[in-house]
Amino acid sequence: MTTFGVNAFGVGTGRQRYDTMVDLARDAEAAGCSAVWTSELYSRSATIPMAMLAAGTSTIQIGTNIAYGVGRSPLMWAAEARDLDELSGGRIILGLGNGTPKMMEAWHGVSGEAPAARMAELLTVLKKLWQLHEGPVDHDGRFYTVHIAPTSDVPEPVRPTIPIWIAGVNKLMLRTAGEHADGLVGHPMFTSEYIRGPVADELAVGAARSGRDPRDVTIMGIRMCAIDDDVEVARRQAAYAIGQYAASRVYDRLFDLHGWSAEQRVIRQAARDRDTEALIRAVSDDMIDTISIACRPDEFTRKLAEIPPEFDHLDLVAPPWGLSDAQTRAINTEILTGLRQHLSTTVPA
């Protein structure tokens, strides 16, 4: 059965922003969600909000969707993860991604070379550092060099392992997830067909390398939800967000799989021309209905029941493009209202 989560979206400034994130997380916990997620960008970290969420909730899992693997050294990732897992009582999911090679170079000052190989090595080092209480860690690799011999006792972490999920869309990163990760953080553009096809194929290749069952890798999806009393407004919101992603060549394989390549070329040209209306028009009804949920509030619970079963966990988010904070908060309220009703009828008492 698919479990559900939401993103901890905060509004306001200063402490208010964090308080609203915790309020949303508590509402998600009360609604029966299994996880609440934070993310980071060039202006916000994921780990600081996680500490607030850990202190302000009791049972819900707290994950990063995503945090930049290249943004911290392996040692600091392991140290922060240990602290967060201890603070939360063992509820942290470490979701990591590298971003694009350009982002790696321009934002983080590291080479964009071989991001999948870098991620695989990072996970290897993190797993070693998680066992630092057992003794020194020595690693000399292609991307990371770590030599640390503790000078005093290191407390054991609250769990013998921490779940690490990685973001991936294309072949090499999907194989890395299959070989090394506990879960795959899918993209908002992921469809059920893409999960059953390329994702399943490449996860299996990676899992075979490490001699494990690909079903051991949790598959997380992210479903954009545009909810408005005017369904045409909702569909425009979804189309605009889909168009922002579709302009990238990263998703060519997905669009080709669905027979949407011609529309994608139109979207890409509209994005180059900065023609918003042409971009929205080029996003077909089939794309909107396959990739997102766009509906009125009274239809949302029914739409949740229609989601195909390929995702082990599904993070429901407002479209990340083109909305004001007030619009995003209103959609999050509708998401939680619908989830509360859906989960009350699908989860045994």
C-alpha atoms as a PDB file:
ATOM      1  CA  MET A   1       0.000   0.000   0.000  1.00  0.00           C
ATOM      2  CA  THR A   2       1.300   3.455  -0.923  1.00  0.00           C
ATOM      3  CA  THR A   3       2.159   5.706   2.000  1.00  0.00           C
ATOM      4  CA  PHE A   4       1.899   9.478   1.766  1.00  0.00           C
ATOM      5  CA  GLY A   5       3.843  12.530   2.805  1.00  0.00           C
ATOM      6  CA  VAL A   6       3.836  16.286   2.336  1.00  0.00           C
ATOM      7  CA  ASN A   7       6.450  19.021   2.130  1.00  0.00           C
ATOM      8  CA  ALA A   8       6.915  21.202   5.208  1.00  0.00           C
ATOM      9  CA  PHE A   9       6.159  24.533   3.596  1.00  0.00           C
ATOM     10  CA  GLY A  10       6.603  27.593   5.815  1.00  0.00           C
ATOM     11  CA  VAL A  11       5.304  31.126   5.378  1.00  0.00           C
ATOM     12  CA  GLY A  12       6.355  34.390   6.928  1.00  0.00           C
ATOM     13  CA  THR A  13       9.780  35.448   8.100  1.00  0.00           C
ATOM     14  CA  GLY A  14      11.947  34.756  11.107  1.00  0.00           C
ATOM     15  CA  ARG A  15      10.645  32.310  13.673  1.00  0.00           C
ATOM     16  CA  GLN A  16       7.162  32.426  12.120  1.00  0.00           C
ATOM     17  CA  ARG A  17       8.400  30.556   9.048  1.00  0.00           C
ATOM     18  CA  TYR A  18       9.620  27.663  11.168  1.00  0.00           C
ATOM     19  CA  ASP A  19       6.530  27.640  13.371  1.00  0.00           C
ATOM     20  CA  THR A  20       4.265  27.307  10.332  1.00  0.00           C
ATOM     21  CA  MET A  21       6.404  24.422   9.076  1.00  0.00           C
ATOM     22  CA  VAL A  22       6.008  22.621  12.398  1.00  0.00           C
ATOM     23  CA  ASP A  23       2.246  23.303  12.404  1.00  0.00           C
ATOM     24  CA  LEU A  24       1.938  21.725   8.964  1.00  0.00           C
ATOM     25  CA  ALA A  25       4.027  18.728  10.055  1.00  0.00           C
ATOM     26  CA  ARG A  26       1.813  18.200  13.109  1.00  0.00           C
ATOM     27  CA  ASP A  27      -1.273  18.360  10.905  1.00  0.00           C
ATOM     28  CA  ALA A  28       0.308  15.797   8.573  1.00  0.00           C
ATOM     29  CA  GLU A  29       1.147  13.555  11.532  1.00  0.00           C
ATOM     30  CA  ALA A  30      -2.439  13.790  12.807  1.00  0.00           C
ATOM     31  CA  ALA A  31      -3.787  13.044   9.325  1.00  0.00           C
ATOM     32  CA  GLY A  32      -1.848   9.775   9.178  1.00  0.00           C
ATOM     33  CA  CYS A  33       0.965  10.776   6.828  1.00  0.00           C
ATOM     34  CA  SER A  34       4.068   8.649   7.159  1.00  0.00           C
ATOM     35  CA  ALA A  35       6.587  11.405   6.353  1.00  0.00           C
ATOM     36  CA  VAL A  36       7.133  15.121   6.123  1.00  0.00           C
ATOM     37  CA  TRP A  37       9.821  16.442   3.773  1.00  0.00           C
ATOM     38  CA  THR A  38      12.117  19.441   3.582  1.00  0.00           C
ATOM     39  CA  SER A  39      14.271  20.582   0.699  1.00  0.00           C
ATOM     40  CA  GLU A  40      17.088  23.000   0.092  1.00  0.00           C
ATOM     41  CA  LEU A  41      18.151  25.426  -2.586  1.00  0.00           C
ATOM     42  CA  TYR A  42      20.784  28.131  -2.904  1.00  0.00           C
ATOM     43  CA  SER A  43      19.110  30.214  -0.166  1.00  0.00           C
ATOM     44  CA  ARG A  44      17.775  27.609   2.302  1.00  0.00           C
ATOM     45  CA  SER A  45      19.124  24.524   4.030  1.00  0.00           C
ATOM     46  CA  ALA A  46      17.187  21.328   4.627  1.00  0.00           C
ATOM     47  CA  THR A  47      18.774  20.270   7.902  1.00  0.00           C
ATOM     48  CA  ILE A  48      17.942  23.300  10.075  1.00  0.00           C
ATOM     49  CA  PRO A  49      14.180  22.935   9.482  1.00  0.00           C
ATOM     50  CA  MET A  50      14.515  19.193  10.120  1.00  0.00           C
ATOM     51  CA  ALA A  51      15.682  19.950  13.654  1.00  0.00           C
ATOM     52  CA  MET A  52      12.550  22.037  14.272  1.00  0.00           C
ATOM     53  CA  LEU A  53      10.347  19.312  12.821  1.00  0.00           C
ATOM     54  CA  ALA A  54      12.051  16.648  14.916  1.00  0.00           C
ATOM     55  CA  ALA A  55      11.501  18.644  18.098  1.00  0.00           C
ATOM     56  CA  GLY A  56       7.919  19.519  17.205  1.00  0.00           C
ATOM     57  CA  THR A  57       6.554  16.095  16.199  1.00  0.00           C
ATOM     58  CA  SER A  58       6.449  12.632  17.710  1.00  0.00           C
ATOM     59  CA  THR A  59       5.971   9.840  15.198  1.00  0.00           C
ATOM     60  CA  ILE A  60       6.171  11.079  11.618  1.00  0.00           C
ATOM     61  CA  GLN A  61       9.333  10.419   9.602  1.00  0.00           C
ATOM     62  CA  ILE A  62      11.331  13.476   8.584  1.00  0.00           C
ATOM     63  CA  GLY A  63      13.162  13.404   5.281  1.00  0.00           C
ATOM     64  CA  THR A  64      15.106  15.595   2.870  1.00  0.00           C
ATOM     65  CA  ASN A  65      13.619  15.950  -0.568  1.00  0.00           C
ATOM     66  CA  ILE A  66      16.315  16.638  -1.439  1.00  0.00           C
ATOM     67  CA  ALA A  67      19.498  17.880   0.203  1.00  0.00           C
ATOM     68  CA  TYR A  68      22.650  18.394  -1.833  1.00  0.00           C
ATOM     69  CA  GLY A  69      25.080  15.547  -1.384  1.00  0.00           C
ATOM     70  CA  VAL A  70      27.939  17.735  -2.599  1.00  0.00           C
ATOM     71  CA  GLY A  71      26.937  20.566  -0.272  1.00  0.00           C
ATOM     72  CA  ARG A  72      28.618  19.072   2.798  1.00  0.00           C
ATOM     73  CA  SER A  73      31.603  16.847   3.355  1.00  0.00           C
ATOM     74  CA  PRO A  74      30.843  13.190   4.145  1.00  0.00           C
ATOM     75  CA  LEU A  75      32.013  13.789   7.719  1.00  0.00           C
ATOM     76  CA  MET A  76      29.579  16.670   8.260  1.00  0.00           C
ATOM     77  CA  TRP A  77      26.733  14.773   6.584  1.00  0.00           C
ATOM     78  CA  ALA A  78      27.300  11.871   8.970  1.00  0.00           C
ATOM     79  CA  ALA A  79      27.581  14.174  11.993  1.00  0.00           C
ATOM     80  CA  GLU A  80      24.426  16.135  11.164  1.00  0.00           C
ATOM     81  CA  ALA A  81      22.505  12.957  10.393  1.00  0.00           C
ATOM     82  CA  ARG A  82      23.554  11.421  13.731  1.00  0.00           C
ATOM     83  CA  ASP A  83      22.373  14.520  15.602  1.00  0.00           C
ATOM     84  CA  LEU A  84      19.081  14.704  13.731  1.00  0.00           C
ATOM     85  CA  ASP A  85      18.369  11.011  14.164  1.00  0.00           C
ATOM     86  CA  GLU A  86      19.074  11.287  17.882  1.00  0.00           C
ATOM     87  CA  LEU A  87      16.879  14.383  18.226  1.00  0.00           C
ATOM     88  CA  SER A  88      13.999  12.704  16.376  1.00  0.00           C
ATOM     89  CA  GLY A  89      14.311   9.335  18.069  1.00  0.00           C
ATOM     90  CA  GLY A  90      15.283   7.552  14.866  1.00  0.00           C
ATOM     91  CA  ARG A  91      12.874   9.134  12.368  1.00  0.00           C
ATOM     92  CA  ILE A  92      15.235  10.630   9.767  1.00  0.00           C
ATOM     93  CA  ILE A  93      15.394   9.712   6.068  1.00  0.00           C
ATOM     94  CA  LEU A  94      18.428  11.183   4.373  1.00  0.00           C
ATOM     95  CA  GLY A  95      17.389  12.052   0.830  1.00  0.00           C
ATOM     96  CA  LEU A  96      20.346  13.217  -1.244  1.00  0.00           C
ATOM     97  CA  GLY A  97      20.903  14.510  -4.761  1.00  0.00           C
ATOM     98  CA  ASN A  98      23.715  16.242  -6.587  1.00  0.00           C
ATOM     99  CA  GLY A  99      21.720  18.531  -8.865  1.00  0.00           C
ATOM    100  CA  THR A 100      22.907  19.020 -12.416  1.00  0.00           C
ATOM    101  CA  PRO A 101      26.624  19.123 -13.288  1.00  0.00           C
ATOM    102  CA  LYS A 102      26.259  22.877 -13.831  1.00  0.00           C
ATOM    103  CA  MET A 103      24.764  23.314 -10.351  1.00  0.00           C
ATOM    104  CA  MET A 104      27.544  21.203  -8.843  1.00  0.00           C
ATOM    105  CA  GLU A 105      30.142  23.479 -10.391  1.00  0.00           C
ATOM    106  CA  ALA A 106      28.478  26.900 -10.105  1.00  0.00           C
ATOM    107  CA  TRP A 107      26.752  26.466  -6.729  1.00  0.00           C
ATOM    108  CA  HIS A 108      29.022  24.108  -4.832  1.00  0.00           C
ATOM    109  CA  GLY A 109      32.401  24.663  -6.419  1.00  0.00           C
ATOM    110  CA  VAL A 110      33.056  21.010  -7.226  1.00  0.00           C
ATOM    111  CA  SER A 111      33.549  19.242 -10.521  1.00  0.00           C
ATOM    112  CA  GLY A 112      30.393  18.188 -12.332  1.00  0.00           C
ATOM    113  CA  GLU A 113      32.204  15.096 -13.558  1.00  0.00           C
ATOM    114  CA  ALA A 114      30.519  11.708 -13.061  1.00  0.00           C
ATOM    115  CA  PRO A 115      27.753  12.698 -10.608  1.00  0.00           C
ATOM    116  CA  ALA A 116      26.493   9.115 -10.268  1.00  0.00           C
ATOM    117  CA  ALA A 117      29.953   7.795  -9.401  1.00  0.00           C
ATOM    118  CA  ARG A 118      30.373  10.631  -6.898  1.00  0.00           C
ATOM    119  CA  MET A 119      27.049   9.765  -5.278  1.00  0.00           C
ATOM    120  CA  ALA A 120      27.942   6.076  -5.055  1.00  0.00           C
ATOM    121  CA  GLU A 121      31.192   6.945  -3.304  1.00  0.00           C
ATOM    122  CA  LEU A 122      29.457   9.368  -0.943  1.00  0.00           C
ATOM    123  CA  LEU A 123      27.049   6.650   0.176  1.00  0.00           C
ATOM    124  CA  THR A 124      29.945   4.255   0.715  1.00  0.00           C
ATOM    125  CA  VAL A 125      31.754   6.764   2.929  1.00  0.00           C
ATOM    126  CA  LEU A 126      28.600   7.743   4.835  1.00  0.00           C
ATOM    127  CA  LYS A 127      27.943   4.125   5.738  1.00  0.00           C
ATOM    128  CA  LYS A 128      31.493   3.799   7.054  1.00  0.00           C
ATOM    129  CA  LEU A 129      31.186   6.996   9.085  1.00  0.00           C
ATOM    130  CA  TRP A 130      27.897   5.844  10.582  1.00  0.00           C
ATOM    131  CA  GLN A 131      29.940   3.091  12.246  1.00  0.00           C
ATOM    132  CA  LEU A 132      32.590   5.493  13.571  1.00  0.00           C
ATOM    133  CA  HIS A 133      31.897   4.256  17.108  1.00  0.00           C
ATOM    134  CA  GLU A 134      33.478   0.953  16.058  1.00  0.00           C
ATOM    135  CA  GLY A 135      36.838   2.515  15.183  1.00  0.00           C
ATOM    136  CA  PRO A 136      38.798   4.614  12.680  1.00  0.00           C
ATOM    137  CA  VAL A 137      37.549   5.274   9.174  1.00  0.00           C
ATOM    138  CA  ASP A 138      40.021   5.402   6.296  1.00  0.00           C
ATOM    139  CA  HIS A 139      38.918   6.054   2.736  1.00  0.00           C
ATOM    140  CA  ASP A 140      40.901   7.122  -0.315  1.00  0.00           C
ATOM    141  CA  GLY A 141      38.629   7.417  -3.327  1.00  0.00           C
ATOM    142  CA  ARG A 142      38.121   9.244  -6.570  1.00  0.00           C
ATOM    143  CA  PHE A 143      36.154  12.095  -5.014  1.00  0.00           C
ATOM    144  CA  TYR A 144      36.554  11.783  -1.247  1.00  0.00           C
ATOM    145  CA  THR A 145      39.465  11.297   1.105  1.00  0.00           C
ATOM    146  CA  VAL A 146      38.635  10.661   4.754  1.00  0.00           C
ATOM    147  CA  HIS A 147      41.016   9.597   7.523  1.00  0.00           C
ATOM    148  CA  ILE A 148      39.637   9.942  11.017  1.00  0.00           C
ATOM    149  CA  ALA A 149      40.677   8.185  14.213  1.00  0.00           C
ATOM    150  CA  PRO A 150      38.462   9.247  17.140  1.00  0.00           C
ATOM    151  CA  THR A 151      40.406  10.586  20.127  1.00  0.00           C
ATOM    152  CA  SER A 152      37.571   9.781  22.537  1.00  0.00           C
ATOM    153  CA  ASP A 153      34.640   7.415  22.701  1.00  0.00           C
ATOM    154  CA  VAL A 154      32.016   7.961  19.988  1.00  0.00           C
ATOM    155  CA  PRO A 155      28.455   7.212  21.125  1.00  0.00           C
ATOM    156  CA  GLU A 156      26.558   4.652  19.087  1.00  0.00           C
ATOM    157  CA  PRO A 157      23.902   6.134  16.824  1.00  0.00           C
ATOM    158  CA  VAL A 158      20.291   5.519  17.817  1.00  0.00           C
ATOM    159  CA  ARG A 159      19.934   3.118  14.869  1.00  0.00           C
ATOM    160  CA  PRO A 160      22.532   0.761  13.414  1.00  0.00           C
ATOM    161  CA  THR A 161      21.869   2.235   9.954  1.00  0.00           C
ATOM    162  CA  ILE A 162      20.124   5.300   8.617  1.00  0.00           C
ATOM    163  CA  PRO A 163      17.977   5.091   5.472  1.00  0.00           C
ATOM    164  CA  ILE A 164      19.601   6.947   2.586  1.00  0.00           C
ATOM    165  CA  TRP A 165      17.505   7.639  -0.503  1.00  0.00           C
ATOM    166  CA  ILE A 166      18.952   9.295  -3.593  1.00  0.00           C
ATOM    167  CA  ALA A 167      17.388  11.313  -6.387  1.00  0.00           C
ATOM    168  CA  GLY A 168      17.684   9.903  -9.878  1.00  0.00           C
ATOM    169  CA  VAL A 169      16.036  10.226 -13.280  1.00  0.00           C
ATOM    170  CA  ASN A 170      18.331   8.634 -15.838  1.00  0.00           C
ATOM    171  CA  LYS A 171      20.325   5.439 -16.247  1.00  0.00           C
ATOM    172  CA  LEU A 172      23.485   5.833 -14.187  1.00  0.00           C
ATOM    173  CA  MET A 173      21.892   7.417 -11.122  1.00  0.00           C
ATOM    174  CA  LEU A 174      19.047   4.891 -11.183  1.00  0.00           C
ATOM    175  CA  ARG A 175      21.614   2.092 -11.243  1.00  0.00           C
ATOM    176  CA  THR A 176      23.429   3.744  -8.346  1.00  0.00           C
ATOM    177  CA  ALA A 177      20.187   3.745  -6.376  1.00  0.00           C
ATOM    178  CA  GLY A 178      19.689   0.060  -7.107  1.00  0.00           C
ATOM    179  CA  GLU A 179      23.208  -0.803  -6.008  1.00  0.00           C
ATOM    180  CA  HIS A 180      23.775   1.459  -3.020  1.00  0.00           C
ATOM    181  CA  ALA A 181      20.662   3.283  -1.752  1.00  0.00           C
ATOM    182  CA  ASP A 182      17.729   2.348   0.438  1.00  0.00           C
ATOM    183  CA  GLY A 183      15.334   4.369  -1.654  1.00  0.00           C
ATOM    184  CA  LEU A 184      14.893   6.323  -4.871  1.00  0.00           C
ATOM    185  CA  VAL A 185      13.551   9.868  -4.692  1.00  0.00           C
ATOM    186  CA  GLY A 186      11.648  10.172  -7.930  1.00  0.00           C
ATOM    187  CA  HIS A 187      10.950  13.404  -9.744  1.00  0.00           C
ATOM    188  CA  PRO A 188       7.611  15.239 -10.101  1.00  0.00           C
ATOM    189  CA  MET A 189       7.725  14.217 -13.764  1.00  0.00           C
ATOM    190  CA  PHE A 190       7.813  10.492 -12.940  1.00  0.00           C
ATOM    191  CA  THR A 191       4.820   8.557 -14.237  1.00  0.00           C
ATOM    192  CA  SER A 192       3.679   5.032 -13.459  1.00  0.00           C
ATOM    193  CA  GLU A 193       4.811   3.946 -16.910  1.00  0.00           C
ATOM    194  CA  TYR A 194       8.278   5.379 -16.333  1.00  0.00           C
ATOM    195  CA  ILE A 195       8.487   3.515 -13.004  1.00  0.00           C
ATOM    196  CA  ARG A 196       7.430   0.213 -14.575  1.00  0.00           C
ATOM    197  CA  GLY A 197       9.807   0.665 -17.507  1.00  0.00           C
ATOM    198  CA  PRO A 198      13.152   2.506 -17.324  1.00  0.00           C
ATOM    199  CA  VAL A 199      13.195   2.890 -13.535  1.00  0.00           C
ATOM    200  CA  ALA A 200      12.496  -0.783 -12.840  1.00  0.00           C
ATOM    201  CA  ASP A 201      14.986  -1.890 -15.506  1.00  0.00           C
ATOM    202  CA  GLU A 202      17.875   0.237 -14.237  1.00  0.00           C
ATOM    203  CA  LEU A 203      17.206  -0.410 -10.551  1.00  0.00           C
ATOM    204  CA  ALA A 204      17.396  -4.118 -11.321  1.00  0.00           C
ATOM    205  CA  VAL A 205      20.776  -3.688 -13.030  1.00  0.00           C
ATOM    206  CA  GLY A 206      22.154  -1.852 -10.032  1.00  0.00           C
ATOM    207  CA  ALA A 207      20.656  -4.250  -7.510  1.00  0.00           C
ATOM    208  CA  ALA A 208      22.206  -7.222  -9.335  1.00  0.00           C
ATOM    209  CA  ARG A 209      25.658  -5.681  -8.834  1.00  0.00           C
ATOM    210  CA  SER A 210      25.222  -5.802  -5.064  1.00  0.00           C
ATOM    211  CA  GLY A 211      23.344  -9.094  -5.015  1.00  0.00           C
ATOM    212  CA  ARG A 212      20.104  -7.775  -3.603  1.00  0.00           C
ATOM    213  CA  ASP A 213      16.448  -7.657  -4.547  1.00  0.00           C
ATOM    214  CA  PRO A 214      15.470  -4.423  -6.346  1.00  0.00           C
ATOM    215  CA  ARG A 215      12.240  -4.506  -4.362  1.00  0.00           C
ATOM    216  CA  ASP A 216      14.343  -3.576  -1.340  1.00  0.00           C
ATOM    217  CA  VAL A 217      14.685  -0.078  -2.824  1.00  0.00           C
ATOM    218  CA  THR A 218      11.765   2.120  -1.748  1.00  0.00           C
ATOM    219  CA  ILE A 219      10.402   4.087  -4.707  1.00  0.00           C
ATOM    220  CA  MET A 220       9.194   7.544  -3.786  1.00  0.00           C
ATOM    221  CA  GLY A 221       7.186   9.666  -6.161  1.00  0.00           C
ATOM    222  CA  ILE A 222       6.366  13.360  -6.034  1.00  0.00           C
ATOM    223  CA  ARG A 223       2.920  14.256  -7.308  1.00  0.00           C
ATOM    224  CA  MET A 224       2.116  17.882  -8.065  1.00  0.00           C
ATOM    225  CA  CYS A 225      -1.387  18.793  -6.918  1.00  0.00           C
ATOM    226  CA  ALA A 226      -3.149  21.860  -8.302  1.00  0.00           C
ATOM    227  CA  ILE A 227      -6.434  22.315  -6.431  1.00  0.00           C
ATOM    228  CA  ASP A 228      -8.827  25.186  -7.078  1.00  0.00           C
ATOM    229  CA  ASP A 229     -12.572  25.782  -7.152  1.00  0.00           C
ATOM    230  CA  ASP A 230     -12.079  26.711 -10.804  1.00  0.00           C
ATOM    231  CA  VAL A 231     -10.723  23.547 -12.394  1.00  0.00           C
ATOM    232  CA  GLU A 232      -9.386  25.457 -15.393  1.00  0.00           C
ATOM    233  CA  VAL A 233      -7.233  27.551 -13.063  1.00  0.00           C
ATOM    234  CA  ALA A 234      -5.948  24.335 -11.491  1.00  0.00           C
ATOM    235  CA  ARG A 235      -5.118  22.839 -14.882  1.00  0.00           C
ATOM    236  CA  ARG A 236      -3.260  25.991 -15.956  1.00  0.00           C
ATOM    237  CA  GLN A 237      -1.221  25.858 -12.747  1.00  0.00           C
ATOM    238  CA  ALA A 238      -0.308  22.232 -13.407  1.00  0.00           C
ATOM    239  CA  ALA A 239       0.465  22.900 -17.081  1.00  0.00           C
ATOM    240  CA  TYR A 240       2.766  25.786 -16.241  1.00  0.00           C
ATOM    241  CA  ALA A 241       4.753  23.675 -13.773  1.00  0.00           C
ATOM    242  CA  ILE A 242       4.989  20.728 -16.157  1.00  0.00           C
ATOM    243  CA  GLY A 243       6.208  23.078 -18.869  1.00  0.00           C
ATOM    244  CA  GLN A 244       9.054  24.350 -16.702  1.00  0.00           C
ATOM    245  CA  TYR A 245      10.356  20.813 -16.262  1.00  0.00           C
ATOM    246  CA  ALA A 246       9.582  19.624 -19.785  1.00  0.00           C
ATOM    247  CA  ALA A 247      11.878  22.234 -21.297  1.00  0.00           C
ATOM    248  CA  SER A 248      14.880  20.335 -19.903  1.00  0.00           C
ATOM    249  CA  ARG A 249      16.474  17.528 -21.899  1.00  0.00           C
ATOM    250  CA  VAL A 250      16.808  15.515 -18.690  1.00  0.00           C
ATOM    251  CA  TYR A 251      13.267  14.237 -19.261  1.00  0.00           C
ATOM    252  CA  ASP A 252      13.541  13.392 -22.978  1.00  0.00           C
ATOM    253  CA  ARG A 253      13.334   9.655 -22.302  1.00  0.00           C
ATOM    254  CA  LEU A 254      10.127  10.044 -20.299  1.00  0.00           C
ATOM    255  CA  PHE A 255       8.473  12.181 -22.956  1.00  0.00           C
ATOM    256  CA  ASP A 256       9.509   9.789 -25.688  1.00  0.00           C
ATOM    257  CA  LEU A 257       8.112   6.846 -23.698  1.00  0.00           C
ATOM    258  CA  HIS A 258       4.682   8.522 -23.648  1.00  0.00           C
ATOM    259  CA  GLY A 259       4.783   9.762 -27.242  1.00  0.00           C
ATOM    260  CA  TRP A 260       4.987  13.395 -26.117  1.00  0.00           C
ATOM    261  CA  SER A 261       8.226  14.349 -27.876  1.00  0.00           C
ATOM    262  CA  ALA A 262       6.543  16.636 -30.426  1.00  0.00           C
ATOM    263  CA  GLU A 263       4.778  18.567 -27.676  1.00  0.00           C
ATOM    264  CA  GLN A 264       8.038  18.733 -25.728  1.00  0.00           C
ATOM    265  CA  ARG A 265       9.772  20.425 -28.642  1.00  0.00           C
ATOM    266  CA  VAL A 266       7.028  23.061 -28.740  1.00  0.00           C
ATOM    267  CA  ILE A 267       7.318  23.554 -24.981  1.00  0.00           C
ATOM    268  CA  ARG A 268      11.090  23.939 -25.258  1.00  0.00           C
ATOM    269  CA  GLN A 269      10.766  26.613 -27.943  1.00  0.00           C
ATOM    270  CA  ALA A 270       8.106  28.456 -25.937  1.00  0.00           C
ATOM    271  CA  ALA A 271      10.437  28.424 -22.926  1.00  0.00           C
ATOM    272  CA  ARG A 272      13.248  29.877 -25.056  1.00  0.00           C
ATOM    273  CA  ASP A 273      10.865  32.563 -26.320  1.00  0.00           C
ATOM    274  CA  ARG A 274       9.583  33.180 -22.762  1.00  0.00           C
ATOM    275  CA  ASP A 275       6.075  32.787 -24.139  1.00  0.00           C
ATOM    276  CA  THR A 276       4.104  31.599 -21.109  1.00  0.00           C
ATOM    277  CA  GLU A 277       0.792  31.187 -22.923  1.00  0.00           C
ATOM    278  CA  ALA A 278       2.357  29.117 -25.711  1.00  0.00           C
ATOM    279  CA  LEU A 279       4.081  26.952 -23.115  1.00  0.00           C
ATOM    280  CA  ILE A 280       0.827  26.302 -21.244  1.00  0.00           C
ATOM    281  CA  ARG A 281      -1.044  25.530 -24.485  1.00  0.00           C
ATOM    282  CA  ALA A 282       1.612  23.017 -25.522  1.00  0.00           C
ATOM    283  CA  VAL A 283       1.116  20.943 -22.368  1.00  0.00           C
ATOM    284  CA  SER A 284      -1.548  18.434 -23.356  1.00  0.00           C
ATOM    285  CA  ASP A 285      -4.454  17.225 -21.256  1.00  0.00           C
ATOM    286  CA  ASP A 286      -2.850  13.776 -21.281  1.00  0.00           C
ATOM    287  CA  MET A 287       0.319  15.184 -19.704  1.00  0.00           C
ATOM    288  CA  ILE A 288      -1.641  17.010 -17.000  1.00  0.00           C
ATOM    289  CA  ASP A 289      -3.721  13.948 -16.133  1.00  0.00           C
ATOM    290  CA  THR A 290      -0.741  11.569 -16.155  1.00  0.00           C
ATOM    291  CA  ILE A 291       1.821  13.671 -14.317  1.00  0.00           C
ATOM    292  CA  SER A 292      -0.263  15.702 -11.874  1.00  0.00           C
ATOM    293  CA  ILE A 293      -3.547  15.982 -10.028  1.00  0.00           C
ATOM    294  CA  ALA A 294      -5.539  19.032 -11.136  1.00  0.00           C
ATOM    295  CA  CYS A 295      -9.040  19.263  -9.730  1.00  0.00           C
ATOM    296  CA  ARG A 296     -11.555  20.979  -7.466  1.00  0.00           C
ATOM    297  CA  PRO A 297     -11.299  20.410  -3.681  1.00  0.00           C
ATOM    298  CA  ASP A 298     -14.320  18.104  -3.608  1.00  0.00           C
ATOM    299  CA  GLU A 299     -12.694  15.840  -6.223  1.00  0.00           C
ATOM    300  CA  PHE A 300      -9.305  15.459  -4.571  1.00  0.00           C
ATOM    301  CA  THR A 301      -9.999  12.461  -2.320  1.00  0.00           C
ATOM    302  CA  ARG A 302     -11.350  10.500  -5.277  1.00  0.00           C
ATOM    303  CA  LYS A 303      -8.258  11.407  -7.298  1.00  0.00           C
ATOM    304  CA  LEU A 304      -6.029  10.028  -4.526  1.00  0.00           C
ATOM    305  CA  ALA A 305      -7.841   6.701  -4.703  1.00  0.00           C
ATOM    306  CA  GLU A 306      -7.111   6.541  -8.454  1.00  0.00           C
ATOM    307  CA  ILE A 307      -3.313   6.854  -8.131  1.00  0.00           C
ATOM    308  CA  PRO A 308      -1.620   3.744  -9.605  1.00  0.00           C
ATOM    309  CA  PRO A 309       0.218   1.491  -7.120  1.00  0.00           C
ATOM    310  CA  GLU A 310       3.772   1.740  -8.521  1.00  0.00           C
ATOM    311  CA  PHE A 311       4.945   4.204  -5.861  1.00  0.00           C
ATOM    312  CA  ASP A 312       5.836   2.894  -2.410  1.00  0.00           C
ATOM    313  CA  HIS A 313       5.655   6.419  -1.020  1.00  0.00           C
ATOM    314  CA  LEU A 314       4.140   9.518  -2.581  1.00  0.00           C
ATOM    315  CA  ASP A 315       4.976  13.078  -1.589  1.00  0.00           C
ATOM    316  CA  LEU A 316       2.102  15.406  -2.464  1.00  0.00           C
ATOM    317  CA  VAL A 317       3.163  18.966  -3.271  1.00  0.00           C
ATOM    318  CA  ALA A 318       1.706  22.137  -4.689  1.00  0.00           C
ATOM    319  CA  PRO A 319       3.127  23.043  -8.118  1.00  0.00           C
ATOM    320  CA  PRO A 320       6.550  24.529  -7.355  1.00  0.00           C
ATOM    321  CA  TRP A 321       6.365  27.119 -10.119  1.00  0.00           C
ATOM    322  CA  GLY A 322       4.161  30.167 -10.543  1.00  0.00           C
ATOM    323  CA  LEU A 323       2.260  30.221  -7.241  1.00  0.00           C
ATOM    324  CA  SER A 324       2.295  32.763  -4.438  1.00  0.00           C
ATOM    325  CA  ASP A 325       2.940  31.657  -0.862  1.00  0.00           C
ATOM    326  CA  ALA A 326      -0.761  32.144  -0.126  1.00  0.00           C
ATOM    327  CA  GLN A 327      -1.767  29.905  -3.048  1.00  0.00           C
ATOM    328  CA  THR A 328       0.735  27.231  -2.014  1.00  0.00           C
ATOM    329  CA  ARG A 329      -0.491  27.284   1.570  1.00  0.00           C
ATOM    330  CA  ALA A 330      -4.125  27.011   0.426  1.00  0.00           C
ATOM    331  CA  ILE A 331      -3.280  23.984  -1.721  1.00  0.00           C
ATOM    332  CA  ASN A 332      -1.387  22.359   1.156  1.00  0.00           C
ATOM    333  CA  THR A 333      -4.482  22.775   3.320  1.00  0.00           C
ATOM    334  CA  GLU A 334      -6.589  21.024   0.681  1.00  0.00           C
ATOM    335  CA  ILE A 335      -3.962  18.272   0.315  1.00  0.00           C
ATOM    336  CA  LEU A 336      -4.096  17.534   4.044  1.00  0.00           C
ATOM    337  CA  THR A 337      -7.888  17.635   4.095  1.00  0.00           C
ATOM    338  CA  GLY A 338      -8.023  15.112   1.264  1.00  0.00           C
ATOM    339  CA  LEU A 339      -5.319  12.911   2.783  1.00  0.00           C
ATOM    340  CA  ARG A 340      -7.079  12.844   6.135  1.00  0.00           C
ATOM    341  CA  GLN A 341     -10.231  11.522   4.484  1.00  0.00           C
ATOM    342  CA  HIS A 342      -8.364   9.129   2.181  1.00  0.00           C
ATOM    343  CA  LEU A 343      -6.189   7.631   4.900  1.00  0.00           C
ATOM    344  CA  SER A 344      -9.096   7.238   7.299  1.00  0.00           C
ATOM    345  CA  THR A 345     -10.757   4.892   4.810  1.00  0.00           C
ATOM    346  CA  THR A 346      -7.658   2.955   3.719  1.00  0.00           C
ATOM    347  CA  VAL A 347      -5.638   2.496   6.923  1.00  0.00           C
ATOM    348  CA  PRO A 348      -7.010   0.008   9.475  1.00  0.00           C
ATOM    349  CA  ALA A 349      -8.006   1.564  12.779  1.00  0.00           C
END
